[in-house]
Amino acid sequence: MANGLTMTVSPRKGDSVTILKDIDFRAYPGQMTAIVGPSGSGKSTLLYCLAGLERFTQGSVSLLGTQIGGMKPTKLTRFRRNHLGFVFQSYNLVASMSVEENLALPFTLRASRFPRKKAQSILDYFGLGAQRKSSVTELSGGEQQRVALARVLLTSPDIIFADEPTGALDQGNGRKVIEVLRDVARDPKKTVVMVTHSPEIARQCDRIVEVRDGRIAPAARLDDSRNGVNA
């Protein structure tokens, strides 16, 4: 998925900081992969580079057999819209829209039919069925996170990238989110890659990749991890 991935930024003229350093990374269909590591280690930056949301300096990223590093912005946007799903810490919902309108937005952009019944079923599962017509600004942070995940699930992407998907949720709803992502990853044609601070959540994934100081660590440092680190 990524080979020799390096990202260097210049916060000030004449200064440069290398956030990611020669990273090789693989995630496989039919699996859920956790990216773990301390704050500031580069794990979220790695996720965003893998998802084509941030540009890297060197190396390559291949998604579904397509090299995304040299794609023109319009083509990359279309590729992401058609094949990828994202769950952000900041939710990325449109504040002026209702819950249902936020769910329908990806289908509007694709000029495709909005599956209203499926949307209602997913909202019901997450305990949000009664808020379908509510403005997302009326929802709590945890409810907005569940709407963001519902929107991703509704589009049925080939790869889901999730940045701390349970960060704003209580234990019960966090468990539901992980169960849903695991169900997605059981499909041999689907892939889930998530960043998490939680050792408990990481242990529920098929693989664990640990990032330290911008590099892939030689071994996962979580007890009972299922398959360790891909390096």
Protein backbone atom coordinates (compact mmCIF):
# COMPACT_ATOMS: atom_id res chain seq x y z
CA MET A 1 0.00 0.00 0.00
CA ALA A 2 2.90 2.38 0.78
CA ASN A 3 6.59 2.12 -0.02
CA GLY A 4 9.32 4.43 1.24
CA LEU A 5 6.72 6.96 2.37
CA THR A 6 8.38 10.16 3.59
CA MET A 7 6.77 13.48 4.48
CA THR A 8 8.78 16.62 5.20
CA VAL A 9 7.21 19.99 5.98
CA SER A 10 8.70 23.47 6.35
CA PRO A 11 6.95 25.30 9.20
CA ARG A 12 9.30 28.27 8.78
CA LYS A 13 11.53 29.46 5.97
CA GLY A 14 14.83 27.61 6.14
CA ASP A 15 13.49 25.00 8.58
CA SER A 16 12.22 21.52 7.77
CA VAL A 17 10.69 18.75 9.86
CA THR A 18 10.40 15.15 8.67
CA ILE A 19 7.15 13.72 10.06
CA LEU A 20 7.21 10.34 8.27
CA LYS A 21 10.49 8.56 7.53
CA ASP A 22 10.73 5.89 4.84
CA ILE A 23 7.61 3.98 5.85
CA ASP A 24 6.53 0.72 4.22
CA PHE A 25 2.94 -0.16 5.05
CA ARG A 26 0.46 -2.83 3.99
CA ALA A 27 -3.23 -3.29 4.73
CA TYR A 28 -5.14 -6.23 3.30
CA PRO A 29 -8.71 -6.85 2.12
CA GLY A 30 -10.77 -8.75 4.64
CA GLN A 31 -8.83 -7.27 7.55
CA MET A 32 -9.00 -4.38 10.00
CA THR A 33 -5.61 -2.80 10.67
CA ALA A 34 -4.91 -0.58 13.69
CA ILE A 35 -2.27 2.16 13.58
CA VAL A 36 -1.10 2.91 17.12
CA GLY A 37 1.57 5.02 18.75
CA PRO A 38 2.09 7.94 21.14
CA SER A 39 0.75 11.43 20.42
CA GLY A 40 2.92 13.22 17.89
CA SER A 41 4.35 9.99 16.49
CA GLY A 42 2.95 10.61 13.00
CA LYS A 43 0.18 8.01 12.98
CA SER A 44 -2.63 10.38 11.91
CA THR A 45 -0.36 11.95 9.27
CA LEU A 46 0.34 8.45 7.96
CA LEU A 47 -3.40 7.73 7.76
CA TYR A 48 -4.04 10.97 5.84
CA CYS A 49 -1.20 10.29 3.40
CA LEU A 50 -2.47 6.75 2.81
CA ALA A 51 -5.94 8.13 2.14
CA GLY A 52 -4.71 10.73 -0.34
CA LEU A 53 -5.74 13.63 1.90
CA GLU A 54 -2.19 14.90 2.45
CA ARG A 55 0.65 15.02 -0.04
CA PHE A 56 3.84 13.15 0.83
CA THR A 57 7.35 14.16 -0.19
CA GLN A 58 8.81 10.85 -1.34
CA GLY A 59 7.73 7.26 -1.86
CA SER A 60 4.52 5.85 -3.27
CA VAL A 61 0.99 4.95 -2.17
CA SER A 62 -1.11 2.44 -4.08
CA LEU A 63 -4.82 1.98 -3.37
CA LEU A 64 -6.79 -0.74 -5.14
CA GLY A 65 -3.95 -1.08 -7.61
CA THR A 66 -3.90 2.65 -8.41
CA GLN A 67 -0.91 4.88 -7.69
CA ILE A 68 -2.34 8.05 -6.13
CA GLY A 69 0.83 10.09 -5.57
CA GLY A 70 0.91 11.72 -8.98
CA MET A 71 -2.83 12.07 -9.51
CA LYS A 72 -4.22 15.46 -10.47
CA PRO A 73 -6.46 16.88 -7.70
CA THR A 74 -9.72 16.46 -9.65
CA LYS A 75 -9.00 12.84 -10.51
CA LEU A 76 -7.89 12.08 -6.95
CA THR A 77 -11.08 13.61 -5.56
CA ARG A 78 -13.16 11.46 -7.89
CA PHE A 79 -11.20 8.35 -6.92
CA ARG A 80 -11.70 9.03 -3.20
CA ARG A 81 -15.41 9.70 -3.71
CA ASN A 82 -15.92 6.43 -5.57
CA HIS A 83 -13.77 4.07 -3.51
CA LEU A 84 -12.84 5.46 -0.08
CA GLY A 85 -14.64 6.33 3.13
CA PHE A 86 -13.35 8.56 5.92
CA VAL A 87 -14.27 8.91 9.59
CA PHE A 88 -12.57 12.01 11.01
CA GLN A 89 -12.15 13.19 14.58
CA SER A 90 -13.75 16.47 13.45
CA TYR A 91 -16.74 14.62 11.88
CA ASN A 92 -16.75 16.77 8.68
CA LEU A 93 -20.52 17.16 8.67
CA VAL A 94 -22.22 20.12 6.96
CA ALA A 95 -23.64 22.24 9.77
CA SER A 96 -26.39 23.79 7.65
CA MET A 97 -27.83 20.37 6.75
CA SER A 98 -29.99 17.88 8.60
CA VAL A 99 -28.79 14.40 9.53
CA GLU A 100 -30.50 12.88 6.50
CA GLU A 101 -29.16 15.56 4.16
CA ASN A 102 -25.63 14.85 5.38
CA LEU A 103 -26.15 11.16 4.66
CA ALA A 104 -27.50 11.96 1.19
CA LEU A 105 -24.67 14.34 0.26
CA PRO A 106 -22.24 11.72 -1.16
CA PHE A 107 -25.02 10.39 -3.38
CA THR A 108 -25.85 13.89 -4.59
CA LEU A 109 -22.21 14.44 -5.52
CA ARG A 110 -22.17 11.13 -7.40
CA ALA A 111 -25.53 11.84 -9.04
CA SER A 112 -26.81 8.50 -7.74
CA ARG A 113 -29.93 7.37 -5.85
CA PHE A 114 -30.00 7.89 -2.10
CA PRO A 115 -30.92 4.58 -0.31
CA ARG A 116 -33.35 6.10 2.17
CA LYS A 117 -34.49 2.82 3.78
CA LYS A 118 -30.93 1.64 4.34
CA ALA A 119 -30.07 5.04 5.80
CA GLN A 120 -32.96 4.77 8.26
CA SER A 121 -31.86 1.25 9.25
CA ILE A 122 -28.29 2.40 9.99
CA LEU A 123 -29.53 5.41 11.96
CA ASP A 124 -31.84 3.15 13.97
CA TYR A 125 -28.91 0.84 14.79
CA PHE A 126 -26.93 3.78 16.13
CA GLY A 127 -29.91 5.08 18.12
CA LEU A 128 -30.38 8.10 15.86
CA GLY A 129 -33.55 7.17 13.99
CA ALA A 130 -35.62 9.89 15.64
CA GLN A 131 -33.07 12.59 14.73
CA ARG A 132 -33.20 11.98 10.98
CA LYS A 133 -34.64 15.44 10.26
CA SER A 134 -32.68 17.25 12.99
CA SER A 135 -29.90 19.70 12.23
CA VAL A 136 -26.52 18.16 13.03
CA THR A 137 -25.78 21.25 15.17
CA GLU A 138 -28.44 19.99 17.60
CA LEU A 139 -26.54 16.75 18.19
CA SER A 140 -23.88 15.96 20.76
CA GLY A 141 -20.32 15.21 19.68
CA GLY A 142 -20.90 11.50 20.07
CA GLU A 143 -24.08 11.65 18.01
CA GLN A 144 -22.30 13.59 15.27
CA GLN A 145 -19.57 10.94 15.22
CA ARG A 146 -22.18 8.25 14.70
CA VAL A 147 -23.78 10.24 11.87
CA ALA A 148 -20.35 10.56 10.22
CA LEU A 149 -19.84 6.80 10.45
CA ALA A 150 -23.37 6.13 9.18
CA ARG A 151 -22.61 8.27 6.12
CA VAL A 152 -19.49 6.22 5.40
CA LEU A 153 -21.25 2.88 5.85
CA LEU A 154 -24.08 3.96 3.58
CA THR A 155 -21.71 4.52 0.64
CA SER A 156 -20.14 1.04 1.09
CA PRO A 157 -16.56 2.09 0.20
CA ASP A 158 -13.80 -0.36 -0.68
CA ILE A 159 -11.51 1.08 2.01
CA ILE A 160 -12.50 2.86 5.22
CA PHE A 161 -9.95 5.13 6.89
CA ALA A 162 -10.90 6.05 10.46
CA ASP A 163 -9.09 8.49 12.76
CA GLU A 164 -10.01 7.69 16.38
CA PRO A 165 -13.57 6.64 15.41
CA THR A 166 -14.61 6.01 19.02
CA GLY A 167 -12.92 9.05 20.55
CA ALA A 168 -16.15 10.96 21.23
CA LEU A 169 -18.27 7.95 22.15
CA ASP A 170 -19.30 6.29 25.39
CA GLN A 171 -18.35 2.65 25.91
CA GLY A 172 -21.60 1.18 24.58
CA ASN A 173 -21.67 3.20 21.37
CA GLY A 174 -17.94 2.74 20.91
CA ARG A 175 -18.49 -1.01 21.02
CA LYS A 176 -21.20 -0.71 18.35
CA VAL A 177 -18.87 1.25 16.07
CA ILE A 178 -16.09 -1.32 16.35
CA GLU A 179 -18.54 -4.16 15.76
CA VAL A 180 -19.76 -2.45 12.58
CA LEU A 181 -16.21 -1.84 11.33
CA ARG A 182 -15.31 -5.45 12.05
CA ASP A 183 -18.35 -6.57 10.05
CA VAL A 184 -17.16 -4.43 7.14
CA ALA A 185 -13.67 -5.93 7.37
CA ARG A 186 -15.06 -9.47 7.21
CA ASP A 187 -15.93 -8.80 3.57
CA PRO A 188 -12.95 -10.16 1.57
CA LYS A 189 -13.19 -7.15 -0.75
CA LYS A 190 -13.22 -4.48 1.98
CA THR A 191 -10.39 -2.99 4.05
CA VAL A 192 -10.49 -0.97 7.27
CA VAL A 193 -7.53 1.08 8.53
CA MET A 194 -7.91 2.99 11.78
CA VAL A 195 -5.84 5.13 14.11
CA THR A 196 -6.53 4.47 17.78
CA HIS A 197 -5.03 5.29 21.17
CA SER A 198 -6.92 2.41 22.76
CA PRO A 199 -5.01 -0.87 23.31
CA GLU A 200 -8.37 -2.61 23.83
CA ILE A 201 -9.64 -1.52 20.41
CA ALA A 202 -6.30 -2.30 18.74
CA ARG A 203 -6.43 -5.85 20.09
CA GLN A 204 -9.75 -6.36 18.29
CA CYS A 205 -8.09 -5.66 14.94
CA ASP A 206 -6.50 -8.27 12.70
CA ARG A 207 -3.17 -6.46 12.58
CA ILE A 208 -1.42 -3.74 14.56
CA VAL A 209 1.10 -1.29 13.13
CA GLU A 210 2.98 0.83 15.64
CA VAL A 211 4.39 4.22 14.65
CA ARG A 212 7.14 5.85 16.74
CA ASP A 213 9.00 9.02 15.80
CA GLY A 214 7.70 8.84 12.26
CA ARG A 215 8.83 5.26 11.64
CA ILE A 216 7.22 1.84 11.81
CA ALA A 217 8.32 0.23 15.08
CA PRO A 218 9.93 -3.22 14.84
CA ALA A 219 7.21 -4.87 16.94
CA ALA A 220 3.82 -4.02 18.36
CA ARG A 221 3.99 -3.29 22.08
CA LEU A 222 0.51 -4.40 22.96
CA ASP A 223 -0.10 -7.58 24.89
CA ASP A 224 -2.12 -10.25 23.05
CA SER A 225 -1.99 -8.41 19.71
CA ARG A 226 -3.27 -10.77 17.06
CA ASN A 227 -0.69 -10.52 14.31
CA GLY A 228 1.86 -7.86 15.21
CA VAL A 229 3.36 -5.24 12.95
CA ASN A 230 3.87 -5.16 9.23
CA ALA A 231 7.16 -3.50 8.42
